Amino acid sequence: MIGLGPFSAKTASLAAAAVLAWLVARYLLRTSDAASRRGGAGVLLDALFVGLFIARAVYVVRWWPEYAARPWSFVAIGDGGFNVWAGALAAVAWGFWRTRRDRAQRRPMFAGMAAGLAIWGVMLAGLGAALRDAPPLPSLTLTTVDGRSVALENHRGQPIVMNLWASWCPPCRREMPVLAQAQNDYPDVRFLMINQGEAAQTVAEFVQSQELAFDHLLLDPESQAMRAVETRALPTTLYFDTNGRLVDAHLGELTAARLRDTLHRRLHQSPASRTLKE
């Protein structure tokens, strides 16, 4: 439900839709001569690459300050940052222009695109259904670095971003400044930073060495949270609404743009924090 390897579930579904579009076009071109088959498949492949490039570029422009602050994140496509509709329009326009002299290639190409968009829609609907059936905020009692017990249930009533991490995990380390900044920018969202499997001293020394400050830094030495949300990889970030219902999830490293985009779309913001963001 959360993702496939380093890629978010939405990114993986988009890639699957692109492959299906190409396969459908190749199938419809099977009765054409060899030159037409090569040309039609090539046009569709070019259109898919153009569409993906434009989808990413439009998304980056939309969240330009966040990407500009961390240039490496331009190419971090595993964050799922694509404007799919802009990409689809660009792909159609490119394909229409490329087939202006050979209209026989248009039908297979556009049929492939239609099939790809249809399967993408089905996959998104499936992801939405999986989220609706996902377990709510885990009923766990964890501890703070100084040994106080904290029940996660006590955080209901506010939107929650729950991040599962460890200090030995490079992507976790890279994304932590992003989460620390978001905690300051979104005061009406509760950021629960739940360390997996490490001792209190290790966690305290790491956070101090990185000059990070989190309001809700929790220890989970038995990795109960990972079992409760059924993830086997770090980092994992989950978004819960005010009722403790899971509304989105991300496996792997977060970029600032993707985090802010998800907060904007999925979690209710107070007028003050919306002003901060916008």
Protein backbone atom coordinates (compact mmCIF):
# COMPACT_ATOMS: atom_id res chain seq x y z
CA MET A 1 0.00 0.00 0.00
CA ILE A 2 2.79 2.42 0.91
CA GLY A 3 5.27 1.87 -1.88
CA LEU A 4 7.44 -0.34 -4.01
CA GLY A 5 11.12 -0.28 -3.14
CA PRO A 6 12.29 3.35 -3.04
CA PHE A 7 9.26 4.55 -5.01
CA SER A 8 5.91 5.69 -3.68
CA ALA A 9 2.85 3.65 -4.66
CA LYS A 10 1.63 6.51 -6.86
CA THR A 11 4.94 6.70 -8.71
CA ALA A 12 4.93 2.93 -9.22
CA SER A 13 1.35 3.04 -10.55
CA LEU A 14 2.28 5.82 -12.97
CA ALA A 15 5.21 3.76 -14.28
CA ALA A 16 2.95 0.71 -14.68
CA ALA A 17 0.41 2.80 -16.61
CA ALA A 18 3.15 4.05 -18.96
CA VAL A 19 4.34 0.49 -19.66
CA LEU A 20 0.76 -0.64 -20.35
CA ALA A 21 0.24 2.26 -22.76
CA TRP A 22 3.30 1.21 -24.73
CA LEU A 23 2.26 -2.47 -24.80
CA VAL A 24 -1.26 -1.64 -26.04
CA ALA A 25 0.12 0.54 -28.83
CA ARG A 26 2.58 -2.17 -29.87
CA TYR A 27 -0.23 -4.72 -29.94
CA LEU A 28 -2.44 -2.53 -32.16
CA LEU A 29 0.49 -1.94 -34.51
CA ARG A 30 1.19 -5.67 -34.92
CA THR A 31 -0.46 -5.88 -38.37
CA SER A 32 1.39 -2.84 -39.72
CA ASP A 33 4.57 -3.05 -41.74
CA ALA A 34 7.88 -3.11 -39.90
CA ALA A 35 8.59 0.59 -40.50
CA SER A 36 5.20 1.62 -39.13
CA ARG A 37 5.60 -0.63 -36.07
CA ARG A 38 8.98 0.86 -35.26
CA GLY A 39 7.78 4.40 -35.95
CA GLY A 40 4.54 4.10 -33.98
CA ALA A 41 6.20 2.51 -30.97
CA GLY A 42 8.95 5.12 -31.09
CA VAL A 43 6.47 7.99 -31.21
CA LEU A 44 4.60 6.64 -28.19
CA LEU A 45 7.82 6.08 -26.26
CA ASP A 46 8.91 9.63 -27.02
CA ALA A 47 5.49 10.94 -25.99
CA LEU A 48 5.72 9.06 -22.68
CA PHE A 49 9.14 10.51 -21.92
CA VAL A 50 7.97 14.01 -22.86
CA GLY A 51 4.91 13.59 -20.66
CA LEU A 52 6.92 12.38 -17.67
CA PHE A 53 9.43 15.21 -18.09
CA ILE A 54 6.70 17.86 -18.26
CA ALA A 55 4.79 16.27 -15.36
CA ARG A 56 7.91 16.51 -13.20
CA ALA A 57 8.87 19.98 -14.43
CA VAL A 58 5.43 21.46 -13.72
CA TYR A 59 5.45 19.95 -10.23
CA VAL A 60 8.94 21.32 -9.55
CA VAL A 61 7.87 24.79 -10.70
CA ARG A 62 4.79 24.58 -8.47
CA TRP A 63 7.04 23.88 -5.44
CA TRP A 64 10.07 25.78 -6.66
CA PRO A 65 11.24 27.31 -3.33
CA GLU A 66 11.36 23.88 -1.69
CA TYR A 67 13.24 22.25 -4.58
CA ALA A 68 15.58 25.21 -5.05
CA ALA A 69 16.61 25.02 -1.40
CA ARG A 70 17.76 21.41 -1.96
CA PRO A 71 18.80 21.04 -5.63
CA TRP A 72 19.43 17.28 -5.29
CA SER A 73 15.69 16.81 -4.82
CA PHE A 74 15.03 17.78 -8.48
CA VAL A 75 15.87 14.24 -9.51
CA ALA A 76 14.43 12.49 -6.45
CA ILE A 77 11.47 11.15 -8.44
CA GLY A 78 10.81 8.53 -5.79
CA ASP A 79 8.97 11.25 -3.88
CA GLY A 80 6.10 10.92 -6.37
CA GLY A 81 6.16 14.59 -7.32
CA PHE A 82 4.43 14.70 -10.72
CA ASN A 83 1.63 16.80 -12.19
CA VAL A 84 0.03 13.95 -14.11
CA TRP A 85 -2.54 15.99 -16.01
CA ALA A 86 0.07 18.42 -17.31
CA GLY A 87 2.14 15.42 -18.38
CA ALA A 88 -0.82 13.76 -20.11
CA LEU A 89 -1.63 16.90 -22.09
CA ALA A 90 2.01 17.29 -23.10
CA ALA A 91 2.18 13.65 -24.24
CA VAL A 92 -1.00 13.99 -26.32
CA ALA A 93 0.20 17.22 -27.92
CA TRP A 94 3.60 15.71 -28.73
CA GLY A 95 2.04 12.58 -30.20
CA PHE A 96 -0.44 14.59 -32.26
CA TRP A 97 2.36 16.74 -33.69
CA ARG A 98 4.68 13.79 -34.42
CA THR A 99 1.97 11.89 -36.32
CA ARG A 100 0.83 14.84 -38.43
CA ARG A 101 2.30 13.20 -41.57
CA ASP A 102 1.35 9.61 -40.72
CA ARG A 103 -2.11 9.61 -39.23
CA ALA A 104 -2.30 5.82 -39.37
CA GLN A 105 -0.12 5.79 -36.26
CA ARG A 106 -2.47 8.02 -34.28
CA ARG A 107 -5.12 5.46 -33.42
CA PRO A 108 -2.76 2.91 -31.82
CA MET A 109 -0.84 5.64 -30.00
CA PHE A 110 -3.90 7.35 -28.54
CA ALA A 111 -5.53 4.01 -27.72
CA GLY A 112 -2.39 3.13 -25.75
CA MET A 113 -2.50 6.45 -23.94
CA ALA A 114 -6.18 5.97 -23.11
CA ALA A 115 -5.48 2.49 -21.74
CA GLY A 116 -2.61 3.83 -19.64
CA LEU A 117 -4.72 6.62 -18.16
CA ALA A 118 -7.56 4.18 -17.46
CA ILE A 119 -5.35 1.72 -15.59
CA TRP A 120 -3.74 4.60 -13.70
CA GLY A 121 -7.20 5.73 -12.57
CA VAL A 122 -8.06 2.19 -11.47
CA MET A 123 -4.82 1.92 -9.51
CA LEU A 124 -5.43 5.24 -7.77
CA ALA A 125 -8.94 4.11 -6.86
CA GLY A 126 -7.44 0.91 -5.45
CA LEU A 127 -4.92 2.88 -3.41
CA GLY A 128 -7.72 5.05 -2.07
CA ALA A 129 -9.71 1.97 -1.07
CA ALA A 130 -6.63 0.51 0.64
CA LEU A 131 -6.21 3.70 2.65
CA ARG A 132 -9.85 3.62 3.73
CA ASP A 133 -9.37 0.08 5.02
CA ALA A 134 -5.99 0.81 6.63
CA PRO A 135 -5.53 0.50 10.40
CA PRO A 136 -6.06 3.74 12.36
CA LEU A 137 -3.46 5.46 14.53
CA PRO A 138 -1.80 2.58 16.48
CA SER A 139 -2.83 2.20 20.11
CA LEU A 140 0.71 2.12 21.43
CA THR A 141 2.37 3.53 24.52
CA LEU A 142 5.94 4.65 23.87
CA THR A 143 8.49 6.62 25.87
CA THR A 144 10.28 9.93 25.51
CA VAL A 145 14.05 10.25 25.64
CA ASP A 146 13.82 11.18 29.32
CA GLY A 147 11.72 8.10 30.12
CA ARG A 148 8.16 9.44 30.28
CA SER A 149 5.38 7.21 28.91
CA VAL A 150 3.26 8.64 26.08
CA ALA A 151 0.15 7.02 24.57
CA LEU A 152 -0.23 7.77 20.86
CA GLU A 153 -4.00 7.95 21.42
CA ASN A 154 -3.41 11.18 23.35
CA HIS A 155 -2.48 12.92 20.11
CA ARG A 156 -5.87 12.40 18.49
CA GLY A 157 -7.73 15.63 17.77
CA GLN A 158 -4.93 17.11 15.68
CA PRO A 159 -3.60 16.14 12.25
CA ILE A 160 -0.61 13.86 12.71
CA VAL A 161 2.53 13.16 10.71
CA MET A 162 4.14 10.00 12.09
CA ASN A 163 7.71 9.37 10.96
CA LEU A 164 9.46 6.06 11.67
CA TRP A 165 13.23 6.43 11.56
CA ALA A 166 16.63 5.34 12.89
CA SER A 167 19.93 7.17 13.16
CA TRP A 168 21.78 4.48 11.15
CA CYS A 169 19.45 5.02 8.16
CA PRO A 170 20.98 7.51 5.61
CA PRO A 171 17.66 8.58 4.02
CA CYS A 172 16.21 9.11 7.51
CA ARG A 173 19.10 11.38 8.38
CA ARG A 174 18.74 13.37 5.16
CA GLU A 175 15.02 14.00 5.57
CA MET A 176 15.04 14.96 9.26
CA PRO A 177 15.85 18.67 8.67
CA VAL A 178 12.87 18.76 6.29
CA LEU A 179 10.59 17.39 9.03
CA ALA A 180 12.06 19.73 11.64
CA GLN A 181 11.36 22.74 9.42
CA ALA A 182 7.83 21.55 8.67
CA GLN A 183 7.17 21.19 12.41
CA ASN A 184 7.94 24.90 12.78
CA ASP A 185 5.91 25.91 9.72
CA TYR A 186 2.80 23.87 10.62
CA PRO A 187 2.13 24.41 14.33
CA ASP A 188 -1.35 22.86 14.13
CA VAL A 189 0.07 19.52 12.91
CA ARG A 190 1.52 17.07 15.42
CA PHE A 191 4.83 15.59 14.20
CA LEU A 192 5.58 12.29 15.96
CA MET A 193 9.20 11.28 15.38
CA ILE A 194 9.31 7.64 16.45
CA ASN A 195 12.76 6.08 16.59
CA GLN A 196 12.90 2.38 15.83
CA GLY A 197 15.03 0.07 17.95
CA GLU A 198 17.67 2.40 19.39
CA ALA A 199 18.59 3.35 22.94
CA ALA A 200 17.65 6.70 24.44
CA GLN A 201 21.27 7.86 24.68
CA THR A 202 21.92 7.04 21.01
CA VAL A 203 18.85 9.00 19.93
CA ALA A 204 19.60 11.98 22.17
CA GLU A 205 23.22 12.19 21.00
CA PHE A 206 22.23 11.96 17.34
CA VAL A 207 19.58 14.68 17.54
CA GLN A 208 21.94 16.93 19.46
CA SER A 209 24.80 16.36 17.00
CA GLN A 210 22.50 17.33 14.11
CA GLU A 211 21.22 20.40 15.97
CA LEU A 212 17.64 19.24 15.53
CA ALA A 213 14.72 19.89 17.87
CA PHE A 214 11.49 17.90 17.84
CA ASP A 215 8.54 18.47 20.16
CA HIS A 216 7.50 14.82 20.10
CA LEU A 217 10.57 12.59 19.94
CA LEU A 218 9.57 9.06 20.96
CA LEU A 219 11.38 5.76 21.45
CA ASP A 220 10.11 2.44 20.16
CA PRO A 221 12.85 -0.05 21.13
CA GLU A 222 10.81 -3.09 20.05
CA SER A 223 9.74 -1.53 16.71
CA GLN A 224 6.08 -2.01 17.60
CA ALA A 225 5.04 0.84 15.31
CA MET A 226 6.56 -0.84 12.24
CA ARG A 227 4.58 -4.00 12.93
CA ALA A 228 1.40 -2.05 13.64
CA VAL A 229 1.50 -0.17 10.31
CA GLU A 230 2.86 -3.21 8.42
CA THR A 231 6.01 -1.64 7.00
CA ARG A 232 9.45 -3.25 6.85
CA ALA A 233 11.52 -0.30 5.66
CA LEU A 234 12.77 3.01 6.97
CA PRO A 235 11.99 5.80 6.73
CA THR A 236 8.21 5.51 6.60
CA THR A 237 5.94 8.53 6.97
CA LEU A 238 2.21 8.26 7.68
CA TYR A 239 -0.41 10.99 7.74
CA PHE A 240 -3.44 10.74 10.04
CA ASP A 241 -6.41 13.10 10.20
CA THR A 242 -7.90 14.50 13.41
CA ASN A 243 -9.85 11.26 13.95
CA GLY A 244 -6.73 9.11 13.72
CA ARG A 245 -7.62 7.82 10.24
CA LEU A 246 -4.73 7.15 7.84
CA VAL A 247 -5.09 9.45 4.82
CA ASP A 248 -1.71 9.07 3.11
CA ALA A 249 1.60 7.24 3.46
CA HIS A 250 5.08 7.45 2.00
CA LEU A 251 7.88 4.90 1.98
CA GLY A 252 11.39 6.27 1.59
CA GLU A 253 12.98 9.68 1.78
CA LEU A 254 10.72 12.72 1.76
CA THR A 255 11.49 15.92 -0.08
CA ALA A 256 10.31 19.22 1.36
CA ALA A 257 8.03 19.74 -1.64
CA ARG A 258 6.31 16.38 -1.31
CA LEU A 259 5.82 16.79 2.44
CA ARG A 260 4.26 20.22 2.04
CA ASP A 261 2.13 19.10 -0.88
CA THR A 262 0.71 16.21 1.15
CA LEU A 263 0.04 18.46 4.13
CA HIS A 264 -1.75 20.88 1.86
CA ARG A 265 -3.91 18.25 0.15
CA ARG A 266 -4.53 15.72 2.90
CA LEU A 267 -4.52 17.39 6.28
CA HIS A 268 -6.69 20.26 7.40
CA GLN A 269 -4.70 23.42 8.08
CA SER A 270 -5.63 26.35 10.27
CA PRO A 271 -5.82 29.76 8.54
CA ALA A 272 -2.55 30.76 10.22
CA SER A 273 -0.58 27.81 8.93
CA ARG A 274 -2.16 28.03 5.48
CA THR A 275 -0.88 31.61 5.32
CA LEU A 276 2.58 30.39 6.35
CA LYS A 277 2.55 27.82 3.58
CA GLU A 278 1.00 29.81 0.77
